[in-house]
Amino acid sequence: MTILAWIVLAVALLAVCLLIYACCVKSGEADERAEREFREWQKTQQRCCPTCAHHLGAEQCRINAEGECREGGGFELWEAKDA
């Protein structure tokens, strides 16, 4: 093999290694994003209307914030029933 063939082979090998690395990094980012979204989802499941002090049942809210619970928003108005 000539020196040019070795250079081409080395460049091709480097390109394959970089492609594999990029895929691994992207996969890791996707995993982290999925874990973060799952943690956020768990928080919304813990802080839902039935566990709120303002919840009257039948999707009714004492402080007229039914839309917040229905939308799955930030639950800024949520208070523990014990409070």
PDB file of N, CA and C in Angstrom:
ATOM      1  N   MET A   1       0.842  -1.182   0.000  1.00  0.00           N
ATOM      2  CA  MET A   1       0.000   0.000   0.000  1.00  0.00           C
ATOM      3  C   MET A   1       0.888   1.247   0.000  1.00  0.00           C
ATOM      4  N   THR A   2       0.402   2.215  -0.687  1.00  0.00           N
ATOM      5  CA  THR A   2       1.151   3.464  -0.756  1.00  0.00           C
ATOM      6  C   THR A   2       0.812   4.348   0.428  1.00  0.00           C
ATOM      7  N   ILE A   3       1.587   5.354   0.598  1.00  0.00           N
ATOM      8  CA  ILE A   3       1.377   6.291   1.705  1.00  0.00           C
ATOM      9  C   ILE A   3       0.039   7.002   1.571  1.00  0.00           C
ATOM     10  N   LEU A   4      -0.395   7.281   0.342  1.00  0.00           N
ATOM     11  CA  LEU A   4      -1.681   7.934   0.094  1.00  0.00           C
ATOM     12  C   LEU A   4      -2.828   7.032   0.536  1.00  0.00           C
ATOM     13  N   ALA A   5      -2.717   5.742   0.275  1.00  0.00           N
ATOM     14  CA  ALA A   5      -3.759   4.799   0.689  1.00  0.00           C
ATOM     15  C   ALA A   5      -3.854   4.753   2.210  1.00  0.00           C
ATOM     16  N   TRP A   6      -2.712   4.790   2.911  1.00  0.00           N
ATOM     17  CA  TRP A   6      -2.716   4.799   4.364  1.00  0.00           C
ATOM     18  C   TRP A   6      -3.361   6.066   4.918  1.00  0.00           C
ATOM     19  N   ILE A   7      -3.111   7.175   4.299  1.00  0.00           N
ATOM     20  CA  ILE A   7      -3.707   8.447   4.724  1.00  0.00           C
ATOM     21  C   ILE A   7      -5.213   8.419   4.543  1.00  0.00           C
ATOM     22  N   VAL A   8      -5.651   7.927   3.391  1.00  0.00           N
ATOM     23  CA  VAL A   8      -7.094   7.824   3.123  1.00  0.00           C
ATOM     24  C   VAL A   8      -7.744   6.884   4.135  1.00  0.00           C
ATOM     25  N   LEU A   9      -7.094   5.767   4.413  1.00  0.00           N
ATOM     26  CA  LEU A   9      -7.624   4.809   5.385  1.00  0.00           C
ATOM     27  C   LEU A   9      -7.696   5.440   6.784  1.00  0.00           C
ATOM     28  N   ALA A  10      -6.684   6.177   7.172  1.00  0.00           N
ATOM     29  CA  ALA A  10      -6.676   6.827   8.478  1.00  0.00           C
ATOM     30  C   ALA A  10      -7.777   7.883   8.578  1.00  0.00           C
ATOM     31  N   VAL A  11      -7.963   8.660   7.527  1.00  0.00           N
ATOM     32  CA  VAL A  11      -9.014   9.682   7.516  1.00  0.00           C
ATOM     33  C   VAL A  11     -10.392   9.025   7.587  1.00  0.00           C
ATOM     34  N   ALA A  12     -10.581   7.940   6.859  1.00  0.00           N
ATOM     35  CA  ALA A  12     -11.867   7.233   6.889  1.00  0.00           C
ATOM     36  C   ALA A  12     -12.130   6.671   8.282  1.00  0.00           C
ATOM     37  N   LEU A  13     -11.099   6.096   8.897  1.00  0.00           N
ATOM     38  CA  LEU A  13     -11.242   5.557  10.245  1.00  0.00           C
ATOM     39  C   LEU A  13     -11.560   6.661  11.248  1.00  0.00           C
ATOM     40  N   LEU A  14     -10.919   7.791  11.131  1.00  0.00           N
ATOM     41  CA  LEU A  14     -11.189   8.932  11.993  1.00  0.00           C
ATOM     42  C   LEU A  14     -12.623   9.424  11.817  1.00  0.00           C
ATOM     43  N   ALA A  15     -13.086   9.466  10.564  1.00  0.00           N
ATOM     44  CA  ALA A  15     -14.458   9.904  10.300  1.00  0.00           C
ATOM     45  C   ALA A  15     -15.463   8.950  10.933  1.00  0.00           C
ATOM     46  N   VAL A  16     -15.214   7.661  10.850  1.00  0.00           N
ATOM     47  CA  VAL A  16     -16.112   6.674  11.460  1.00  0.00           C
ATOM     48  C   VAL A  16     -16.115   6.836  12.980  1.00  0.00           C
ATOM     49  N   CYS A  17     -14.934   7.033  13.558  1.00  0.00           N
ATOM     50  CA  CYS A  17     -14.850   7.224  15.015  1.00  0.00           C
ATOM     51  C   CYS A  17     -15.607   8.476  15.453  1.00  0.00           C
ATOM     52  N   LEU A  18     -15.467   9.557  14.709  1.00  0.00           N
ATOM     53  CA  LEU A  18     -16.179  10.791  15.039  1.00  0.00           C
ATOM     54  C   LEU A  18     -17.694  10.616  14.906  1.00  0.00           C
ATOM     55  N   LEU A  19     -18.117   9.882  13.908  1.00  0.00           N
ATOM     56  CA  LEU A  19     -19.545   9.623  13.713  1.00  0.00           C
ATOM     57  C   LEU A  19     -20.100   8.811  14.886  1.00  0.00           C
ATOM     58  N   ILE A  20     -19.371   7.785  15.300  1.00  0.00           N
ATOM     59  CA  ILE A  20     -19.812   6.969  16.435  1.00  0.00           C
ATOM     60  C   ILE A  20     -19.847   7.809  17.705  1.00  0.00           C
ATOM     61  N   TYR A  21     -18.846   8.635  17.917  1.00  0.00           N
ATOM     62  CA  TYR A  21     -18.811   9.511  19.097  1.00  0.00           C
ATOM     63  C   TYR A  21     -20.002  10.466  19.092  1.00  0.00           C
ATOM     64  N   ALA A  22     -20.283  11.060  17.940  1.00  0.00           N
ATOM     65  CA  ALA A  22     -21.402  11.998  17.846  1.00  0.00           C
ATOM     66  C   ALA A  22     -22.722  11.301  18.149  1.00  0.00           C
ATOM     67  N   CYS A  23     -22.881  10.082  17.680  1.00  0.00           N
ATOM     68  CA  CYS A  23     -24.111   9.332  17.954  1.00  0.00           C
ATOM     69  C   CYS A  23     -24.239   9.020  19.442  1.00  0.00           C
ATOM     70  N   CYS A  24     -23.120   8.675  20.075  1.00  0.00           N
ATOM     71  CA  CYS A  24     -23.147   8.380  21.512  1.00  0.00           C
ATOM     72  C   CYS A  24     -23.501   9.622  22.318  1.00  0.00           C
ATOM     73  N   VAL A  25     -22.926  10.750  21.954  1.00  0.00           N
ATOM     74  CA  VAL A  25     -23.221  12.002  22.655  1.00  0.00           C
ATOM     75  C   VAL A  25     -24.691  12.359  22.486  1.00  0.00           C
ATOM     76  N   LYS A  26     -25.194  12.247  21.278  1.00  0.00           N
ATOM     77  CA  LYS A  26     -26.597  12.574  21.005  1.00  0.00           C
ATOM     78  C   LYS A  26     -27.519  11.642  21.779  1.00  0.00           C
ATOM     79  N   SER A  27     -27.164  10.369  21.836  1.00  0.00           N
ATOM     80  CA  SER A  27     -27.968   9.400  22.563  1.00  0.00           C
ATOM     81  C   SER A  27     -27.969   9.724  24.055  1.00  0.00           C
ATOM     82  N   GLY A  28     -26.813  10.109  24.585  1.00  0.00           N
ATOM     83  CA  GLY A  28     -26.729  10.483  25.999  1.00  0.00           C
ATOM     84  C   GLY A  28     -27.576  11.699  26.312  1.00  0.00           C
ATOM     85  N   GLU A  29     -27.573  12.679  25.411  1.00  0.00           N
ATOM     86  CA  GLU A  29     -28.393  13.874  25.605  1.00  0.00           C
ATOM     87  C   GLU A  29     -29.875  13.515  25.580  1.00  0.00           C
ATOM     88  N   ALA A  30     -30.247  12.613  24.684  1.00  0.00           N
ATOM     89  CA  ALA A  30     -31.650  12.189  24.599  1.00  0.00           C
ATOM     90  C   ALA A  30     -32.058  11.459  25.876  1.00  0.00           C
ATOM     91  N   ASP A  31     -31.162  10.622  26.404  1.00  0.00           N
ATOM     92  CA  ASP A  31     -31.457   9.921  27.650  1.00  0.00           C
ATOM     93  C   ASP A  31     -31.637  10.896  28.799  1.00  0.00           C
ATOM     94  N   GLU A  32     -30.749  11.879  28.882  1.00  0.00           N
ATOM     95  CA  GLU A  32     -30.853  12.880  29.951  1.00  0.00           C
ATOM     96  C   GLU A  32     -32.146  13.673  29.831  1.00  0.00           C
ATOM     97  N   ARG A  33     -32.511  14.043  28.597  1.00  0.00           N
ATOM     98  CA  ARG A  33     -33.744  14.793  28.388  1.00  0.00           C
ATOM     99  C   ARG A  33     -34.949  13.947  28.791  1.00  0.00           C
ATOM    100  N   ALA A  34     -34.943  12.665  28.428  1.00  0.00           N
ATOM    101  CA  ALA A  34     -36.054  11.784  28.782  1.00  0.00           C
ATOM    102  C   ALA A  34     -36.168  11.626  30.297  1.00  0.00           C
ATOM    103  N   GLU A  35     -35.031  11.475  30.972  1.00  0.00           N
ATOM    104  CA  GLU A  35     -35.059  11.367  32.426  1.00  0.00           C
ATOM    105  C   GLU A  35     -35.574  12.646  33.061  1.00  0.00           C
ATOM    106  N   ARG A  36     -35.155  13.801  32.542  1.00  0.00           N
ATOM    107  CA  ARG A  36     -35.608  15.093  33.070  1.00  0.00           C
ATOM    108  C   ARG A  36     -37.118  15.248  32.861  1.00  0.00           C
ATOM    109  N   GLU A  37     -37.604  14.893  31.676  1.00  0.00           N
ATOM    110  CA  GLU A  37     -39.041  14.990  31.403  1.00  0.00           C
ATOM    111  C   GLU A  37     -39.828  14.039  32.292  1.00  0.00           C
ATOM    112  N   PHE A  38     -39.277  12.852  32.554  1.00  0.00           N
ATOM    113  CA  PHE A  38     -39.964  11.902  33.422  1.00  0.00           C
ATOM    114  C   PHE A  38     -40.044  12.428  34.847  1.00  0.00           C
ATOM    115  N   ARG A  39     -38.951  13.043  35.335  1.00  0.00           N
ATOM    116  CA  ARG A  39     -38.979  13.624  36.683  1.00  0.00           C
ATOM    117  C   ARG A  39     -40.013  14.741  36.769  1.00  0.00           C
ATOM    118  N   GLU A  40     -40.082  15.578  35.741  1.00  0.00           N
ATOM    119  CA  GLU A  40     -41.087  16.649  35.722  1.00  0.00           C
ATOM    120  C   GLU A  40     -42.494  16.071  35.700  1.00  0.00           C
ATOM    121  N   TRP A  41     -42.690  15.009  34.933  1.00  0.00           N
ATOM    122  CA  TRP A  41     -44.000  14.365  34.866  1.00  0.00           C
ATOM    123  C   TRP A  41     -44.367  13.802  36.230  1.00  0.00           C
ATOM    124  N   GLN A  42     -43.397  13.186  36.922  1.00  0.00           N
ATOM    125  CA  GLN A  42     -43.669  12.650  38.245  1.00  0.00           C
ATOM    126  C   GLN A  42     -44.095  13.757  39.209  1.00  0.00           C
ATOM    127  N   LYS A  43     -43.458  14.917  39.110  1.00  0.00           N
ATOM    128  CA  LYS A  43     -43.823  16.031  39.977  1.00  0.00           C
ATOM    129  C   LYS A  43     -45.272  16.441  39.748  1.00  0.00           C
ATOM    130  N   THR A  44     -45.694  16.481  38.484  1.00  0.00           N
ATOM    131  CA  THR A  44     -47.076  16.875  38.200  1.00  0.00           C
ATOM    132  C   THR A  44     -48.054  15.824  38.686  1.00  0.00           C
ATOM    133  N   GLN A  45     -47.621  14.573  38.708  1.00  0.00           N
ATOM    134  CA  GLN A  45     -48.509  13.527  39.196  1.00  0.00           C
ATOM    135  C   GLN A  45     -48.665  13.624  40.708  1.00  0.00           C
ATOM    136  N   GLN A  46     -47.643  14.078  41.402  1.00  0.00           N
ATOM    137  CA  GLN A  46     -47.717  14.227  42.846  1.00  0.00           C
ATOM    138  C   GLN A  46     -48.508  15.474  43.224  1.00  0.00           C
ATOM    139  N   ARG A  47     -48.455  16.483  42.378  1.00  0.00           N
ATOM    140  CA  ARG A  47     -49.122  17.747  42.679  1.00  0.00           C
ATOM    141  C   ARG A  47     -50.304  17.915  41.735  1.00  0.00           C
ATOM    142  N   CYS A  48     -51.286  17.090  41.866  1.00  0.00           N
ATOM    143  CA  CYS A  48     -52.459  17.221  41.007  1.00  0.00           C
ATOM    144  C   CYS A  48     -53.633  17.718  41.850  1.00  0.00           C
ATOM    145  N   CYS A  49     -54.673  18.086  41.204  1.00  0.00           N
ATOM    146  CA  CYS A  49     -55.811  18.708  41.887  1.00  0.00           C
ATOM    147  C   CYS A  49     -56.361  17.909  43.071  1.00  0.00           C
ATOM    148  N   PRO A  50     -56.542  16.607  42.977  1.00  0.00           N
ATOM    149  CA  PRO A  50     -57.126  15.883  44.119  1.00  0.00           C
ATOM    150  C   PRO A  50     -56.302  15.982  45.396  1.00  0.00           C
ATOM    151  N   THR A  51     -55.026  16.306  45.302  1.00  0.00           N
ATOM    152  CA  THR A  51     -54.198  16.435  46.502  1.00  0.00           C
ATOM    153  C   THR A  51     -54.071  17.883  46.963  1.00  0.00           C
ATOM    154  N   CYS A  52     -54.792  18.791  46.333  1.00  0.00           N
ATOM    155  CA  CYS A  52     -54.701  20.216  46.648  1.00  0.00           C
ATOM    156  C   CYS A  52     -55.778  20.624  47.654  1.00  0.00           C
ATOM    157  N   ALA A  53     -55.435  21.533  48.536  1.00  0.00           N
ATOM    158  CA  ALA A  53     -56.373  22.011  49.560  1.00  0.00           C
ATOM    159  C   ALA A  53     -57.565  22.730  48.936  1.00  0.00           C
ATOM    160  N   HIS A  54     -57.417  23.261  47.735  1.00  0.00           N
ATOM    161  CA  HIS A  54     -58.487  24.010  47.078  1.00  0.00           C
ATOM    162  C   HIS A  54     -59.419  23.125  46.256  1.00  0.00           C
ATOM    163  N   HIS A  55     -59.099  21.843  46.127  1.00  0.00           N
ATOM    164  CA  HIS A  55     -59.875  20.937  45.283  1.00  0.00           C
ATOM    165  C   HIS A  55     -61.208  20.605  45.945  1.00  0.00           C
ATOM    166  N   LEU A  56     -62.301  20.798  45.187  1.00  0.00           N
ATOM    167  CA  LEU A  56     -63.639  20.522  45.712  1.00  0.00           C
ATOM    168  C   LEU A  56     -64.214  19.220  45.182  1.00  0.00           C
ATOM    169  N   GLY A  57     -63.506  18.587  44.248  1.00  0.00           N
ATOM    170  CA  GLY A  57     -64.010  17.371  43.612  1.00  0.00           C
ATOM    171  C   GLY A  57     -64.669  17.709  42.292  1.00  0.00           C
ATOM    172  N   ALA A  58     -64.890  16.708  41.471  1.00  0.00           N
ATOM    173  CA  ALA A  58     -65.526  16.872  40.153  1.00  0.00           C
ATOM    174  C   ALA A  58     -64.836  17.957  39.327  1.00  0.00           C
ATOM    175  N   GLU A  59     -63.520  18.000  39.409  1.00  0.00           N
ATOM    176  CA  GLU A  59     -62.716  18.971  38.671  1.00  0.00           C
ATOM    177  C   GLU A  59     -63.082  20.424  38.987  1.00  0.00           C
ATOM    178  N   GLN A  60     -63.563  20.662  40.196  1.00  0.00           N
ATOM    179  CA  GLN A  60     -63.896  22.016  40.634  1.00  0.00           C
ATOM    180  C   GLN A  60     -62.838  22.507  41.619  1.00  0.00           C
ATOM    181  N   CYS A  61     -62.534  23.796  41.540  1.00  0.00           N
ATOM    182  CA  CYS A  61     -61.500  24.382  42.389  1.00  0.00           C
ATOM    183  C   CYS A  61     -62.094  25.544  43.186  1.00  0.00           C
ATOM    184  N   ARG A  62     -61.808  25.575  44.471  1.00  0.00           N
ATOM    185  CA  ARG A  62     -62.333  26.628  45.338  1.00  0.00           C
ATOM    186  C   ARG A  62     -61.888  28.010  44.878  1.00  0.00           C
ATOM    187  N   ILE A  63     -60.710  28.120  44.262  1.00  0.00           N
ATOM    188  CA  ILE A  63     -60.202  29.419  43.829  1.00  0.00           C
ATOM    189  C   ILE A  63     -60.255  29.575  42.310  1.00  0.00           C
ATOM    190  N   ASN A  64     -61.128  28.811  41.664  1.00  0.00           N
ATOM    191  CA  ASN A  64     -61.392  28.930  40.230  1.00  0.00           C
ATOM    192  C   ASN A  64     -60.107  28.770  39.395  1.00  0.00           C
ATOM    193  N   ALA A  65     -59.376  27.695  39.652  1.00  0.00           N
ATOM    194  CA  ALA A  65     -58.146  27.430  38.895  1.00  0.00           C
ATOM    195  C   ALA A  65     -58.203  26.063  38.234  1.00  0.00           C
ATOM    196  N   GLU A  66     -59.389  25.649  37.803  1.00  0.00           N
ATOM    197  CA  GLU A  66     -59.543  24.333  37.187  1.00  0.00           C
ATOM    198  C   GLU A  66     -58.667  24.188  35.947  1.00  0.00           C
ATOM    199  N   GLY A  67     -58.563  25.289  35.185  1.00  0.00           N
ATOM    200  CA  GLY A  67     -57.781  25.242  33.952  1.00  0.00           C
ATOM    201  C   GLY A  67     -56.326  24.906  34.214  1.00  0.00           C
ATOM    202  N   GLU A  68     -55.793  25.382  35.316  1.00  0.00           N
ATOM    203  CA  GLU A  68     -54.393  25.103  35.631  1.00  0.00           C
ATOM    204  C   GLU A  68     -54.169  23.609  35.823  1.00  0.00           C
ATOM    205  N   CYS A  69     -55.037  22.959  36.561  1.00  0.00           N
ATOM    206  CA  CYS A  69     -54.895  21.515  36.776  1.00  0.00           C
ATOM    207  C   CYS A  69     -55.133  20.748  35.482  1.00  0.00           C
ATOM    208  N   ARG A  70     -56.150  21.141  34.737  1.00  0.00           N
ATOM    209  CA  ARG A  70     -56.493  20.446  33.509  1.00  0.00           C
ATOM    210  C   ARG A  70     -55.364  20.542  32.495  1.00  0.00           C
ATOM    211  N   GLU A  71     -54.724  21.693  32.413  1.00  0.00           N
ATOM    212  CA  GLU A  71     -53.647  21.915  31.460  1.00  0.00           C
ATOM    213  C   GLU A  71     -52.366  21.213  31.898  1.00  0.00           C
ATOM    214  N   GLY A  72     -52.275  20.851  33.162  1.00  0.00           N
ATOM    215  CA  GLY A  72     -51.038  20.256  33.656  1.00  0.00           C
ATOM    216  C   GLY A  72     -49.953  21.295  33.828  1.00  0.00           C
ATOM    217  N   GLY A  73     -50.380  22.539  34.030  1.00  0.00           N
ATOM    218  CA  GLY A  73     -49.437  23.640  34.167  1.00  0.00           C
ATOM    219  C   GLY A  73     -48.612  23.551  35.428  1.00  0.00           C
ATOM    220  N   GLY A  74     -48.001  24.641  35.787  1.00  0.00           N
ATOM    221  CA  GLY A  74     -47.047  24.661  36.877  1.00  0.00           C
ATOM    222  C   GLY A  74     -47.613  24.385  38.257  1.00  0.00           C
ATOM    223  N   PHE A  75     -48.922  24.314  38.397  1.00  0.00           N
ATOM    224  CA  PHE A  75     -49.566  24.083  39.684  1.00  0.00           C
ATOM    225  C   PHE A  75     -49.078  25.095  40.718  1.00  0.00           C
ATOM    226  N   GLU A  76     -48.942  26.357  40.310  1.00  0.00           N
ATOM    227  CA  GLU A  76     -48.462  27.391  41.216  1.00  0.00           C
ATOM    228  C   GLU A  76     -49.405  27.583  42.405  1.00  0.00           C
ATOM    229  N   LEU A  77     -50.673  27.290  42.211  1.00  0.00           N
ATOM    230  CA  LEU A  77     -51.652  27.531  43.261  1.00  0.00           C
ATOM    231  C   LEU A  77     -51.870  26.312  44.149  1.00  0.00           C
ATOM    232  N   TRP A  78     -51.183  25.228  43.860  1.00  0.00           N
ATOM    233  CA  TRP A  78     -51.350  24.005  44.599  1.00  0.00           C
ATOM    234  C   TRP A  78     -50.896  24.170  46.037  1.00  0.00           C
ATOM    235  N   GLU A  79     -51.707  23.674  46.976  1.00  0.00           N
ATOM    236  CA  GLU A  79     -51.356  23.644  48.391  1.00  0.00           C
ATOM    237  C   GLU A  79     -51.740  22.288  48.927  1.00  0.00           C
ATOM    238  N   ALA A  80     -50.938  21.778  49.818  1.00  0.00           N
ATOM    239  CA  ALA A  80     -51.224  20.461  50.405  1.00  0.00           C
ATOM    240  C   ALA A  80     -52.548  20.496  51.168  1.00  0.00           C
ATOM    241  N   LYS A  81     -53.301  19.405  51.124  1.00  0.00           N
ATOM    242  CA  LYS A  81     -54.570  19.360  51.850  1.00  0.00           C
ATOM    243  C   LYS A  81     -54.391  19.509  53.354  1.00  0.00           C
ATOM    244  N   ASP A  82     -53.216  19.137  53.850  1.00  0.00           N
ATOM    245  CA  ASP A  82     -52.958  19.243  55.289  1.00  0.00           C
ATOM    246  C   ASP A  82     -52.802  20.693  55.725  1.00  0.00           C
ATOM    247  N   ALA A  83     -52.503  21.582  54.783  1.00  0.00           N
ATOM    248  CA  ALA A  83     -52.204  22.979  55.132  1.00  0.00           C
ATOM    249  C   ALA A  83     -53.438  23.732  55.577  1.00  0.00           C
TER     250      ALA A  83
END
